[in-house]
């Protein structure tokens, strides 16, 4: 059975298409990118470091999704050169994260972002297509603050980057409202249907004539790509855990905390990829495309932060590192909120889900944040495990079993 699709964006005909070798090769850059971004949360990160992590993660993810949507829509006509150019830009961005607050590294990161966005935007212009619900895939108004940042100095540069990302978000809201919600019968959907129903030759002639058309998104293929990205982020969490225990002495505290961290990652994998959709925990059916992608970006950032916090706590059991516990609690808290929002869509019993499932999990998570400098680290790790496990158990008891099809 194919997943139900929202009427907020136009789905392509369903089929058995999976990620190609080129797309999987492209996704490898996410491994390096997430690993470098997680380093911003190591040690004793200040509030500025956390804010920078949020901005850089959103920028990296925005570039990744632009090329992911291109490969999704273009399918077998995807140009290898285009994806490799995008991959090169993402590699430059990932390599610039370490020391990004320094002048040269910050400018290099901005250059990589600007080049990647301009190349992606040019591709969509050439195809004479737009993606309903995610106009940032084509329009590059949000790139302007990034260009200005090339001549800016600290501390103005990250604020300009945040302004560029906010512009993309505002553009997504305003353009989607102006063009409608994409429900069947609307003019945009009729045009998309007529073009997709045409022969390949007719489709090319329509592009050549310069008529903009609505891109059809292959929901199953996009869901797979989004899930793979979250799987990569979870894998980075596993790597950080292994790295934390590989050289440190295996004392009693570490023997107690490492299993808790591993179990947390396992339960998150279960919620995201076995009982969720597109890597979003507990999501059963895709919402509007913009909402779907926003959920995914927040999920990936939260999982990466939680993985970094877990690894940091296990690695520094002998030292007092309350900041790592706060990062761990913040990542878990964000994850719980995302699961709460996705889970609300599954059942009419919203009050039961929020009170019996989300609230106890949030309380456990808040306990870790409030006792970051008092409670033993191993006990904090198990409280985080308990919060995510409670969320999973509550969802299993409240929500109907997912359709195995």
Protein backbone atom coordinates (compact mmCIF):
# COMPACT_ATOMS: atom_id res chain seq x y z
CA UNK A 1 0.00 0.00 0.00
CA UNK A 2 1.36 3.40 -0.88
CA UNK A 3 1.41 6.07 1.81
CA UNK A 4 -1.40 8.59 1.74
CA UNK A 5 -0.27 11.88 0.32
CA UNK A 6 -1.28 15.34 1.34
CA UNK A 7 -3.12 17.50 -1.17
CA UNK A 8 -0.76 20.37 -0.35
CA UNK A 9 1.72 19.39 -3.04
CA UNK A 10 1.46 17.45 -6.27
CA UNK A 11 2.67 13.84 -6.06
CA UNK A 12 4.20 12.02 -8.95
CA UNK A 13 2.81 8.63 -9.95
CA UNK A 14 3.97 6.08 -7.41
CA UNK A 15 6.34 3.33 -8.36
CA UNK A 16 9.29 1.26 -7.18
CA UNK A 17 11.92 3.93 -7.69
CA UNK A 18 14.69 4.01 -5.10
CA UNK A 19 17.72 6.19 -4.50
CA UNK A 20 20.26 5.81 -7.31
CA UNK A 21 23.96 5.16 -6.83
CA UNK A 22 24.59 8.81 -7.73
CA UNK A 23 22.17 10.01 -5.06
CA UNK A 24 23.68 7.67 -2.47
CA UNK A 25 27.15 8.96 -3.37
CA UNK A 26 25.84 12.51 -3.01
CA UNK A 27 24.48 11.69 0.45
CA UNK A 28 27.96 10.69 1.61
CA UNK A 29 28.76 14.38 1.98
CA UNK A 30 26.12 14.49 4.71
CA UNK A 31 28.30 12.12 6.75
CA UNK A 32 31.15 14.61 6.75
CA UNK A 33 28.88 17.61 7.18
CA UNK A 34 26.98 16.30 10.20
CA UNK A 35 30.21 15.18 11.85
CA UNK A 36 31.75 18.64 11.48
CA UNK A 37 28.61 20.43 12.62
CA UNK A 38 28.41 18.25 15.73
CA UNK A 39 31.91 19.44 16.70
CA UNK A 40 30.42 22.88 17.40
CA UNK A 41 28.67 21.33 20.42
CA UNK A 42 31.71 19.58 21.91
CA UNK A 43 33.50 20.66 25.08
CA UNK A 44 31.89 23.65 26.78
CA UNK A 45 29.83 25.34 24.06
CA UNK A 46 28.53 28.81 24.78
CA UNK A 47 25.11 30.06 23.73
CA UNK A 48 26.75 31.61 20.67
CA UNK A 49 28.12 28.21 19.64
CA UNK A 50 24.67 26.64 19.91
CA UNK A 51 23.14 29.44 17.85
CA UNK A 52 25.87 29.05 15.25
CA UNK A 53 25.18 25.30 15.13
CA UNK A 54 21.50 25.95 14.39
CA UNK A 55 22.29 28.43 11.61
CA UNK A 56 24.99 26.32 9.96
CA UNK A 57 22.95 23.12 10.18
CA UNK A 58 19.97 24.86 8.55
CA UNK A 59 22.23 26.21 5.79
CA UNK A 60 23.84 22.83 5.13
CA UNK A 61 20.44 21.10 5.10
CA UNK A 62 18.93 23.76 2.80
CA UNK A 63 21.58 23.10 0.17
CA UNK A 64 21.20 19.34 0.56
CA UNK A 65 17.42 19.43 0.13
CA UNK A 66 17.66 21.69 -2.94
CA UNK A 67 19.68 19.07 -4.80
CA UNK A 68 17.65 16.22 -3.32
CA UNK A 69 14.44 17.73 -4.72
CA UNK A 70 16.13 18.23 -8.08
CA UNK A 71 17.11 14.56 -8.24
CA UNK A 72 13.63 13.59 -7.09
CA UNK A 73 11.87 15.53 -9.85
CA UNK A 74 14.40 14.97 -12.63
CA UNK A 75 14.61 11.19 -11.97
CA UNK A 76 16.45 9.51 -14.84
CA UNK A 77 17.22 12.88 -16.46
CA UNK A 78 19.27 14.02 -13.44
CA UNK A 79 22.58 15.44 -14.56
CA UNK A 80 25.56 13.88 -12.85
CA UNK A 81 27.58 17.07 -13.20
CA UNK A 82 24.95 19.09 -11.32
CA UNK A 83 24.88 16.77 -8.31
CA UNK A 84 28.67 16.55 -8.23
CA UNK A 85 28.93 20.35 -8.26
CA UNK A 86 26.47 20.51 -5.39
CA UNK A 87 28.44 17.82 -3.58
CA UNK A 88 31.65 19.83 -4.03
CA UNK A 89 30.02 22.93 -2.56
CA UNK A 90 28.73 20.97 0.43
CA UNK A 91 32.20 19.51 0.94
CA UNK A 92 33.67 23.01 1.04
CA UNK A 93 31.02 24.04 3.56
CA UNK A 94 31.71 21.00 5.75
CA UNK A 95 35.46 21.58 5.65
CA UNK A 96 34.95 25.22 6.70
CA UNK A 97 32.89 24.52 9.81
CA UNK A 98 35.92 24.06 12.05
CA UNK A 99 37.00 27.61 12.82
CA UNK A 100 34.08 29.11 10.89
CA UNK A 101 34.06 32.12 13.22
CA UNK A 102 37.47 33.05 11.87
CA UNK A 103 37.51 35.40 8.89
CA UNK A 104 38.71 33.14 6.09
CA UNK A 105 36.77 30.03 7.15
CA UNK A 106 33.55 31.99 7.55
CA UNK A 107 33.88 33.53 4.11
CA UNK A 108 34.69 30.14 2.60
CA UNK A 109 31.55 28.63 4.13
CA UNK A 110 29.49 31.52 2.75
CA UNK A 111 31.02 31.17 -0.71
CA UNK A 112 30.22 27.46 -0.77
CA UNK A 113 26.62 28.16 0.27
CA UNK A 114 26.14 30.94 -2.28
CA UNK A 115 27.59 28.90 -5.14
CA UNK A 116 25.50 25.85 -4.25
CA UNK A 117 22.27 27.85 -4.08
CA UNK A 118 22.94 29.69 -7.34
CA UNK A 119 23.71 26.47 -9.19
CA UNK A 120 20.55 24.83 -7.84
CA UNK A 121 18.44 27.87 -8.68
CA UNK A 122 19.81 27.92 -12.22
CA UNK A 123 18.86 24.27 -12.68
CA UNK A 124 15.22 24.95 -11.78
CA UNK A 125 15.13 28.00 -14.06
CA UNK A 126 16.42 25.87 -16.92
CA UNK A 127 13.71 23.31 -16.27
CA UNK A 128 11.04 26.05 -16.02
CA UNK A 129 9.67 24.42 -12.90
CA UNK A 130 8.88 25.39 -9.34
CA UNK A 131 8.33 23.17 -6.31
CA UNK A 132 5.00 23.85 -4.63
CA UNK A 133 5.60 24.40 -0.92
CA UNK A 134 9.39 24.87 -1.17
CA UNK A 135 10.16 27.89 -3.40
CA UNK A 136 13.65 28.19 -1.92
CA UNK A 137 14.61 25.31 -4.23
CA UNK A 138 14.47 27.79 -7.10
CA UNK A 139 14.36 31.36 -5.80
CA UNK A 140 17.58 32.75 -4.37
CA UNK A 141 16.45 35.96 -2.63
CA UNK A 142 17.74 34.53 0.65
CA UNK A 143 21.24 34.32 -0.79
CA UNK A 144 21.65 38.12 -0.79
CA UNK A 145 22.52 38.44 2.93
CA UNK A 146 25.05 35.66 2.47
CA UNK A 147 26.73 37.63 -0.31
CA UNK A 148 26.81 40.73 1.88
CA UNK A 149 28.40 38.68 4.66
CA UNK A 150 31.50 38.18 2.52
CA UNK A 151 32.49 41.74 3.41
CA UNK A 152 31.11 41.71 6.95
CA UNK A 153 33.06 41.12 10.13
CA UNK A 154 32.26 39.23 13.31
CA UNK A 155 29.83 39.24 15.01
CA UNK A 156 27.60 40.51 12.19
CA UNK A 157 28.24 37.63 9.78
CA UNK A 158 26.16 34.87 11.51
CA UNK A 159 23.29 37.33 11.88
CA UNK A 160 23.35 37.97 8.14
CA UNK A 161 23.32 34.22 7.53
CA UNK A 162 20.32 33.84 9.83
CA UNK A 163 18.57 36.69 7.99
CA UNK A 164 19.12 34.89 4.68
CA UNK A 165 17.61 31.68 6.03
CA UNK A 166 14.69 33.64 7.50
CA UNK A 167 14.12 35.20 4.07
CA UNK A 168 13.84 31.73 2.55
CA UNK A 169 11.32 30.76 5.22
CA UNK A 170 9.27 33.93 4.64
CA UNK A 171 9.39 33.29 0.91
CA UNK A 172 8.08 29.77 1.41
CA UNK A 173 5.09 31.10 3.37
CA UNK A 174 4.22 33.99 1.05
CA UNK A 175 4.67 32.17 -2.26
CA UNK A 176 2.69 29.16 -1.07
CA UNK A 177 -0.15 31.45 0.04
CA UNK A 178 -0.11 33.36 -3.24
CA UNK A 179 -0.28 30.23 -5.41
CA UNK A 180 -2.80 28.33 -3.31
CA UNK A 181 -2.45 25.03 -1.54
CA UNK A 182 -2.24 22.80 -4.60
CA UNK A 183 -5.53 20.98 -4.10
CA UNK A 184 -6.97 19.03 -7.04
CA UNK A 185 -8.90 21.22 -9.40
CA UNK A 186 -6.73 24.28 -8.91
CA UNK A 187 -5.18 25.82 -11.97
CA UNK A 188 -1.59 24.92 -10.97
CA UNK A 189 -2.47 21.27 -10.49
CA UNK A 190 -4.38 21.09 -13.77
CA UNK A 191 -1.39 22.47 -15.60
CA UNK A 192 0.99 20.07 -13.86
CA UNK A 193 -1.29 17.15 -14.69
CA UNK A 194 -1.55 18.13 -18.35
CA UNK A 195 2.21 18.49 -18.73
CA UNK A 196 3.00 15.21 -16.95
CA UNK A 197 0.41 13.42 -19.07
CA UNK A 198 2.02 14.69 -22.26
CA UNK A 199 4.58 12.76 -24.23
CA UNK A 200 8.29 13.27 -23.47
CA UNK A 201 8.67 15.35 -26.60
CA UNK A 202 5.77 17.58 -25.61
CA UNK A 203 7.24 18.03 -22.15
CA UNK A 204 10.54 19.20 -23.61
CA UNK A 205 8.83 21.61 -25.95
CA UNK A 206 6.89 23.08 -23.04
CA UNK A 207 10.13 23.67 -21.17
CA UNK A 208 11.70 25.22 -24.19
CA UNK A 209 8.78 27.61 -24.58
CA UNK A 210 9.55 29.02 -21.13
CA UNK A 211 6.19 28.19 -19.52
CA UNK A 212 6.62 27.61 -15.83
CA UNK A 213 5.06 24.41 -14.58
CA UNK A 214 4.58 22.78 -11.23
CA UNK A 215 7.14 20.08 -10.43
CA UNK A 216 5.70 16.73 -9.40
CA UNK A 217 7.35 15.25 -6.31
CA UNK A 218 7.79 11.49 -6.01
CA UNK A 219 6.66 11.14 -2.39
CA UNK A 220 7.98 7.60 -1.86
CA UNK A 221 11.40 8.46 -3.26
CA UNK A 222 11.61 11.68 -1.24
CA UNK A 223 10.57 9.83 1.91
CA UNK A 224 13.37 7.34 1.35
CA UNK A 225 15.97 10.08 0.86
CA UNK A 226 14.84 11.94 3.96
CA UNK A 227 14.97 8.73 5.98
CA UNK A 228 18.48 8.00 4.74
CA UNK A 229 19.63 11.42 5.90
CA UNK A 230 18.30 10.81 9.42
CA UNK A 231 19.90 7.35 9.38
CA UNK A 232 23.23 9.03 8.58
CA UNK A 233 22.74 11.38 11.54
CA UNK A 234 21.98 8.43 13.84
CA UNK A 235 25.09 6.70 12.52
CA UNK A 236 27.14 9.75 13.47
CA UNK A 237 25.74 9.43 16.99
CA UNK A 238 26.84 5.80 17.13
CA UNK A 239 30.30 6.80 15.92
CA UNK A 240 30.60 9.46 18.63
CA UNK A 241 29.61 6.90 21.26
CA UNK A 242 32.18 4.39 20.01
CA UNK A 243 34.82 7.12 19.88
CA UNK A 244 33.97 8.15 23.43
CA UNK A 245 34.60 4.67 24.87
CA UNK A 246 37.38 3.49 22.57
CA UNK A 247 40.28 5.19 24.37
CA UNK A 248 38.83 6.07 27.79
CA UNK A 249 39.09 3.59 30.69
CA UNK A 250 36.01 1.38 31.03
CA UNK A 251 35.17 2.27 34.59
CA UNK A 252 31.85 1.60 36.30
CA UNK A 253 30.32 4.93 35.34
CA UNK A 254 31.15 4.48 31.67
CA UNK A 255 29.90 0.89 31.67
CA UNK A 256 26.58 2.21 32.99
CA UNK A 257 26.24 5.26 30.74
CA UNK A 258 27.37 3.82 27.39
CA UNK A 259 24.50 1.26 27.23
CA UNK A 260 22.05 4.07 28.03
CA UNK A 261 23.37 6.18 25.16
CA UNK A 262 23.24 3.23 22.76
CA UNK A 263 19.71 2.31 23.83
CA UNK A 264 18.59 5.91 23.29
CA UNK A 265 19.87 5.84 19.72
CA UNK A 266 18.13 2.51 19.12
CA UNK A 267 14.76 3.80 20.34
CA UNK A 268 15.17 6.95 18.23
CA UNK A 269 15.87 4.76 15.20
CA UNK A 270 12.69 2.83 15.97
CA UNK A 271 10.57 5.98 16.27
CA UNK A 272 12.09 7.69 13.22
CA UNK A 273 12.43 4.90 10.69
CA UNK A 274 10.24 2.01 11.81
CA UNK A 275 7.29 3.93 13.22
CA UNK A 276 7.79 7.26 11.47
CA UNK A 277 8.06 8.57 7.92
CA UNK A 278 10.97 10.27 6.22
CA UNK A 279 12.97 10.03 9.44
CA UNK A 280 10.37 12.07 11.35
CA UNK A 281 9.34 10.27 14.54
CA UNK A 282 5.76 8.94 14.64
CA UNK A 283 4.73 10.65 11.40
CA UNK A 284 2.37 8.38 9.45
CA UNK A 285 1.27 10.46 6.42
CA UNK A 286 3.16 13.32 4.77
CA UNK A 287 1.75 16.80 5.41
CA UNK A 288 2.20 19.77 3.08
CA UNK A 289 5.65 19.65 1.51
CA UNK A 290 6.94 22.74 3.33
CA UNK A 291 5.80 21.32 6.68
CA UNK A 292 7.23 17.91 5.80
CA UNK A 293 10.66 19.35 5.06
CA UNK A 294 10.64 21.69 8.06
CA UNK A 295 9.85 18.73 10.32
CA UNK A 296 12.75 16.85 8.76
CA UNK A 297 15.28 19.64 9.19
CA UNK A 298 14.35 20.08 12.86
CA UNK A 299 14.44 16.31 13.45
CA UNK A 300 17.90 15.92 11.92
CA UNK A 301 19.28 18.87 13.89
CA UNK A 302 17.79 17.56 17.15
CA UNK A 303 19.10 14.02 16.62
CA UNK A 304 22.58 15.33 15.80
CA UNK A 305 22.60 17.52 18.91
CA UNK A 306 21.38 14.67 21.12
CA UNK A 307 24.02 12.35 19.66
CA UNK A 308 26.73 14.94 20.33
CA UNK A 309 25.49 15.41 23.90
CA UNK A 310 25.37 11.67 24.58
CA UNK A 311 28.88 11.21 23.21
CA UNK A 312 30.14 14.17 25.20
CA UNK A 313 28.64 12.93 28.46
CA UNK A 314 30.07 9.43 28.03
CA UNK A 315 33.49 10.79 27.05
CA UNK A 316 33.75 13.23 29.95
CA UNK A 317 32.39 11.19 32.86
CA UNK A 318 35.45 12.00 34.91
CA UNK A 319 35.07 15.74 34.47
CA UNK A 320 32.32 18.18 35.34
CA UNK A 321 30.81 19.09 31.96
CA UNK A 322 27.28 20.36 32.68
CA UNK A 323 27.19 21.96 29.22
CA UNK A 324 27.24 18.52 27.60
CA UNK A 325 24.30 17.48 29.76
CA UNK A 326 22.44 20.62 28.70
CA UNK A 327 23.13 19.86 25.03
CA UNK A 328 21.89 16.31 25.56
CA UNK A 329 18.73 17.58 27.28
CA UNK A 330 18.11 20.25 24.65
CA UNK A 331 18.44 17.73 21.81
CA UNK A 332 16.10 15.30 23.57
CA UNK A 333 13.62 18.08 24.35
CA UNK A 334 13.50 19.22 20.74
CA UNK A 335 13.07 15.62 19.61
CA UNK A 336 10.17 15.13 22.02
CA UNK A 337 8.44 18.28 20.75
CA UNK A 338 8.81 17.12 17.14
CA UNK A 339 7.41 13.69 18.00
CA UNK A 340 4.57 15.38 19.86
CA UNK A 341 3.63 17.44 16.82
CA UNK A 342 3.87 14.49 14.46
CA UNK A 343 1.98 12.21 16.82
CA UNK A 344 -0.91 14.63 17.16
CA UNK A 345 -1.69 13.94 13.51
CA UNK A 346 -2.21 10.23 14.20
CA UNK A 347 -5.09 10.24 16.63
CA UNK A 348 -8.15 12.22 17.67
CA UNK A 349 -7.16 11.58 21.30
CA UNK A 350 -4.70 14.46 21.36
CA UNK A 351 -5.17 15.23 25.06
CA UNK A 352 -4.34 11.65 26.02
CA UNK A 353 -1.22 11.67 23.87
CA UNK A 354 0.02 15.00 25.19
CA UNK A 355 -0.72 14.29 28.86
CA UNK A 356 0.16 10.60 29.06
CA UNK A 357 2.95 10.48 26.49
CA UNK A 358 4.61 13.83 25.87
CA UNK A 359 4.34 15.46 29.30
CA UNK A 360 6.10 12.70 31.33
CA UNK A 361 8.85 12.44 28.71
CA UNK A 362 9.34 16.22 28.81
CA UNK A 363 9.50 16.18 32.62
CA UNK A 364 12.27 13.57 32.57
CA UNK A 365 14.16 15.63 30.01
CA UNK A 366 13.70 18.84 32.03
CA UNK A 367 15.05 17.04 35.10
CA UNK A 368 18.33 16.46 33.29
CA UNK A 369 18.54 20.12 32.29
CA UNK A 370 17.82 21.34 35.83
CA UNK A 371 20.33 18.96 37.45
CA UNK A 372 23.07 19.28 34.84
CA UNK A 373 25.69 20.26 37.42
CA UNK A 374 24.45 18.09 40.29
CA UNK A 375 23.25 14.69 39.11
CA UNK A 376 25.87 12.06 38.12
CA UNK A 377 26.36 11.87 34.36
CA UNK A 378 25.48 8.19 34.12
CA UNK A 379 22.18 8.83 35.85
CA UNK A 380 21.47 11.72 33.47
CA UNK A 381 22.09 9.48 30.47
CA UNK A 382 19.57 6.96 31.78
CA UNK A 383 17.00 9.70 32.39
CA UNK A 384 17.31 10.71 28.75
CA UNK A 385 16.89 7.07 27.75
CA UNK A 386 13.82 6.85 29.97
CA UNK A 387 12.29 9.96 28.40
CA UNK A 388 12.63 8.67 24.83
CA UNK A 389 11.58 5.14 25.82
CA UNK A 390 8.49 6.50 27.61
CA UNK A 391 7.56 8.41 24.47
CA UNK A 392 7.89 5.23 22.43
CA UNK A 393 5.88 3.11 24.88
CA UNK A 394 3.11 5.71 25.12
CA UNK A 395 2.88 6.01 21.35
CA UNK A 396 2.64 2.24 21.05
CA UNK A 397 -0.21 2.13 23.53
CA UNK A 398 -2.14 5.15 22.25
CA UNK A 399 -1.75 5.06 18.49
CA UNK A 400 -3.12 2.28 16.30
CA UNK A 401 -0.54 -0.05 14.81
CA UNK A 402 0.93 1.27 11.53
CA UNK A 403 -0.23 -0.32 8.31
CA UNK A 404 2.38 -2.96 7.43
CA UNK A 405 1.78 -2.24 3.73
